[in-house]
């Protein structure tokens, strides 16, 4: 899971610096939170959690849609 989080963090960062954002808010990205569950339906992980993407907050705004 750690490797997956690092890959998604890198992807989101590259999207922000390359301008893949809304035209109205050039430094803002809207991300939908996902839940990872196992075969038995137990919650294994949530991304992004409240502690994920905090390094982006200085220069960019990432809004997370949570359930």
N, C-alpha and C. Protein backbone atom coordinates (compact mmCIF):
# COMPACT_ATOMS: atom_id res chain seq x y z
N UNK A 1 0.82 -1.19 0.00
CA UNK A 1 0.00 0.00 0.00
C UNK A 1 0.86 1.26 0.00
N UNK A 2 1.99 1.22 0.68
CA UNK A 2 2.85 2.39 0.75
C UNK A 2 3.35 2.80 -0.63
N UNK A 3 3.70 1.83 -1.45
CA UNK A 3 4.18 2.12 -2.81
C UNK A 3 3.04 2.72 -3.63
N UNK A 4 1.84 2.20 -3.48
CA UNK A 4 0.69 2.75 -4.22
C UNK A 4 0.43 4.20 -3.82
N UNK A 5 0.49 4.49 -2.53
CA UNK A 5 0.29 5.86 -2.06
C UNK A 5 1.34 6.81 -2.63
N UNK A 6 2.58 6.36 -2.65
CA UNK A 6 3.65 7.20 -3.20
C UNK A 6 3.43 7.47 -4.69
N UNK A 7 2.97 6.47 -5.42
CA UNK A 7 2.70 6.64 -6.85
C UNK A 7 1.56 7.63 -7.08
N UNK A 8 0.49 7.50 -6.32
CA UNK A 8 -0.65 8.41 -6.47
C UNK A 8 -0.26 9.82 -6.04
N UNK A 9 0.52 9.96 -4.97
CA UNK A 9 1.00 11.27 -4.55
C UNK A 9 1.80 11.93 -5.69
N UNK A 10 2.68 11.15 -6.32
CA UNK A 10 3.48 11.67 -7.43
C UNK A 10 2.60 12.07 -8.61
N UNK A 11 1.61 11.25 -8.92
CA UNK A 11 0.70 11.56 -10.01
C UNK A 11 -0.06 12.86 -9.74
N UNK A 12 -0.61 13.01 -8.54
CA UNK A 12 -1.35 14.22 -8.19
C UNK A 12 -0.44 15.45 -8.24
N UNK A 13 0.77 15.33 -7.75
CA UNK A 13 1.71 16.44 -7.79
C UNK A 13 2.01 16.85 -9.23
N UNK A 14 2.27 15.88 -10.07
CA UNK A 14 2.57 16.17 -11.48
C UNK A 14 1.36 16.80 -12.16
N UNK A 15 0.16 16.35 -11.83
CA UNK A 15 -1.04 16.95 -12.40
C UNK A 15 -1.15 18.42 -12.00
N UNK A 16 -0.84 18.71 -10.76
CA UNK A 16 -0.92 20.09 -10.28
C UNK A 16 0.11 20.99 -10.94
N UNK A 17 1.35 20.56 -11.01
CA UNK A 17 2.39 21.42 -11.58
C UNK A 17 2.28 21.55 -13.09
N UNK A 18 1.60 20.60 -13.74
CA UNK A 18 1.43 20.67 -15.19
C UNK A 18 0.09 21.26 -15.61
N UNK A 19 -0.68 21.74 -14.63
CA UNK A 19 -1.89 22.47 -14.97
C UNK A 19 -3.13 21.65 -15.22
N UNK A 20 -3.17 20.40 -14.79
CA UNK A 20 -4.38 19.59 -14.95
C UNK A 20 -5.35 19.89 -13.80
N UNK A 21 -5.83 21.12 -13.80
CA UNK A 21 -6.73 21.60 -12.75
C UNK A 21 -7.92 22.28 -13.40
N UNK A 22 -8.81 22.80 -12.60
CA UNK A 22 -9.95 23.51 -13.16
C UNK A 22 -9.50 24.88 -13.66
N UNK A 23 -10.16 25.39 -14.66
CA UNK A 23 -9.81 26.70 -15.21
C UNK A 23 -10.11 27.82 -14.21
N UNK A 24 -11.15 27.64 -13.39
CA UNK A 24 -11.51 28.67 -12.43
C UNK A 24 -10.51 28.76 -11.28
N UNK A 25 -9.96 27.63 -10.88
CA UNK A 25 -9.00 27.58 -9.77
C UNK A 25 -7.74 26.85 -10.24
N UNK A 26 -6.76 27.57 -10.80
CA UNK A 26 -5.60 26.91 -11.41
C UNK A 26 -4.71 26.12 -10.46
N UNK A 27 -4.77 26.37 -9.17
CA UNK A 27 -3.95 25.62 -8.22
C UNK A 27 -4.78 24.68 -7.37
N UNK A 28 -5.94 24.29 -7.87
CA UNK A 28 -6.86 23.47 -7.08
C UNK A 28 -7.19 22.18 -7.82
N UNK A 29 -7.26 21.10 -7.06
CA UNK A 29 -7.59 19.79 -7.62
C UNK A 29 -8.65 19.16 -6.74
N UNK A 30 -9.64 18.53 -7.35
CA UNK A 30 -10.70 17.84 -6.63
C UNK A 30 -10.44 16.34 -6.73
N UNK A 31 -10.33 15.67 -5.58
CA UNK A 31 -10.00 14.25 -5.52
C UNK A 31 -11.08 13.52 -4.72
N UNK A 32 -11.54 12.40 -5.24
CA UNK A 32 -12.52 11.61 -4.51
C UNK A 32 -11.81 10.55 -3.68
N UNK A 33 -12.17 10.46 -2.41
CA UNK A 33 -11.57 9.49 -1.50
C UNK A 33 -12.05 8.09 -1.87
N UNK A 34 -11.14 7.13 -1.77
CA UNK A 34 -11.50 5.74 -2.03
C UNK A 34 -11.24 4.91 -0.78
N UNK A 35 -11.94 3.81 -0.69
CA UNK A 35 -11.76 2.87 0.41
C UNK A 35 -11.31 1.54 -0.15
N UNK A 36 -10.29 0.97 0.45
CA UNK A 36 -9.78 -0.33 0.05
C UNK A 36 -10.30 -1.35 1.06
N UNK A 37 -11.02 -2.34 0.55
CA UNK A 37 -11.56 -3.38 1.43
C UNK A 37 -11.02 -4.74 1.00
N UNK A 38 -10.98 -5.67 1.95
CA UNK A 38 -10.53 -7.01 1.61
C UNK A 38 -11.70 -7.85 1.11
N UNK A 39 -11.44 -9.09 0.80
CA UNK A 39 -12.45 -9.97 0.23
C UNK A 39 -13.62 -10.22 1.18
N UNK A 40 -13.38 -10.06 2.48
CA UNK A 40 -14.44 -10.25 3.47
C UNK A 40 -15.22 -8.97 3.76
N UNK A 41 -14.85 -7.88 3.09
CA UNK A 41 -15.54 -6.62 3.28
C UNK A 41 -14.99 -5.76 4.40
N UNK A 42 -13.84 -6.13 4.95
CA UNK A 42 -13.22 -5.35 6.02
C UNK A 42 -12.42 -4.19 5.43
N UNK A 43 -12.56 -3.03 6.02
CA UNK A 43 -11.82 -1.85 5.57
C UNK A 43 -10.33 -2.02 5.84
N UNK A 44 -9.53 -1.86 4.79
CA UNK A 44 -8.08 -2.00 4.93
C UNK A 44 -7.37 -0.65 4.90
N UNK A 45 -7.88 0.25 4.08
CA UNK A 45 -7.22 1.54 3.95
C UNK A 45 -8.17 2.55 3.31
N UNK A 46 -7.88 3.81 3.52
CA UNK A 46 -8.62 4.91 2.90
C UNK A 46 -7.59 5.87 2.32
N UNK A 47 -7.84 6.31 1.07
CA UNK A 47 -6.92 7.26 0.45
C UNK A 47 -7.71 8.32 -0.30
N UNK A 48 -7.37 9.56 -0.14
CA UNK A 48 -6.45 10.10 0.84
C UNK A 48 -7.11 10.23 2.20
N UNK A 49 -6.36 9.90 3.22
CA UNK A 49 -6.84 10.10 4.59
C UNK A 49 -6.56 11.56 4.97
N UNK A 50 -6.89 11.91 6.17
CA UNK A 50 -6.67 13.30 6.62
C UNK A 50 -5.19 13.65 6.71
N UNK A 51 -4.32 12.65 6.84
CA UNK A 51 -2.88 12.92 6.95
C UNK A 51 -2.15 12.83 5.61
N UNK A 52 -2.83 12.34 4.58
CA UNK A 52 -2.23 12.28 3.25
C UNK A 52 -2.31 13.65 2.58
N UNK A 53 -1.41 13.91 1.71
CA UNK A 53 -1.38 15.12 0.87
C UNK A 53 -1.13 16.41 1.63
N UNK A 54 -0.68 16.33 2.87
CA UNK A 54 -0.42 17.55 3.64
C UNK A 54 0.77 18.34 3.09
N UNK A 55 1.69 17.68 2.42
CA UNK A 55 2.85 18.36 1.85
C UNK A 55 2.46 19.27 0.69
N UNK A 56 1.29 19.05 0.10
CA UNK A 56 0.85 19.84 -1.03
C UNK A 56 0.21 21.15 -0.59
N UNK A 57 -0.20 21.26 0.65
CA UNK A 57 -1.03 22.37 1.11
C UNK A 57 -0.34 23.73 1.04
N UNK A 58 0.97 23.78 1.03
CA UNK A 58 1.66 25.07 0.96
C UNK A 58 1.44 25.77 -0.37
N UNK A 59 1.50 25.02 -1.46
CA UNK A 59 1.44 25.62 -2.79
C UNK A 59 0.15 25.35 -3.55
N UNK A 60 -0.58 24.32 -3.16
CA UNK A 60 -1.75 23.90 -3.91
C UNK A 60 -2.91 23.62 -2.97
N UNK A 61 -4.10 23.62 -3.54
CA UNK A 61 -5.30 23.28 -2.78
C UNK A 61 -5.86 21.99 -3.35
N UNK A 62 -5.94 20.96 -2.52
CA UNK A 62 -6.55 19.70 -2.94
C UNK A 62 -7.79 19.51 -2.07
N UNK A 63 -8.93 19.50 -2.73
CA UNK A 63 -10.19 19.27 -2.04
C UNK A 63 -10.55 17.80 -2.19
N UNK A 64 -10.85 17.16 -1.07
CA UNK A 64 -11.15 15.74 -1.06
C UNK A 64 -12.65 15.54 -0.81
N UNK A 65 -13.28 14.80 -1.70
CA UNK A 65 -14.68 14.43 -1.53
C UNK A 65 -14.70 13.15 -0.71
N UNK A 66 -15.23 13.24 0.49
CA UNK A 66 -15.29 12.09 1.41
C UNK A 66 -16.72 11.62 1.55
N UNK A 67 -16.88 10.32 1.79
CA UNK A 67 -18.22 9.77 2.03
C UNK A 67 -18.71 10.08 3.42
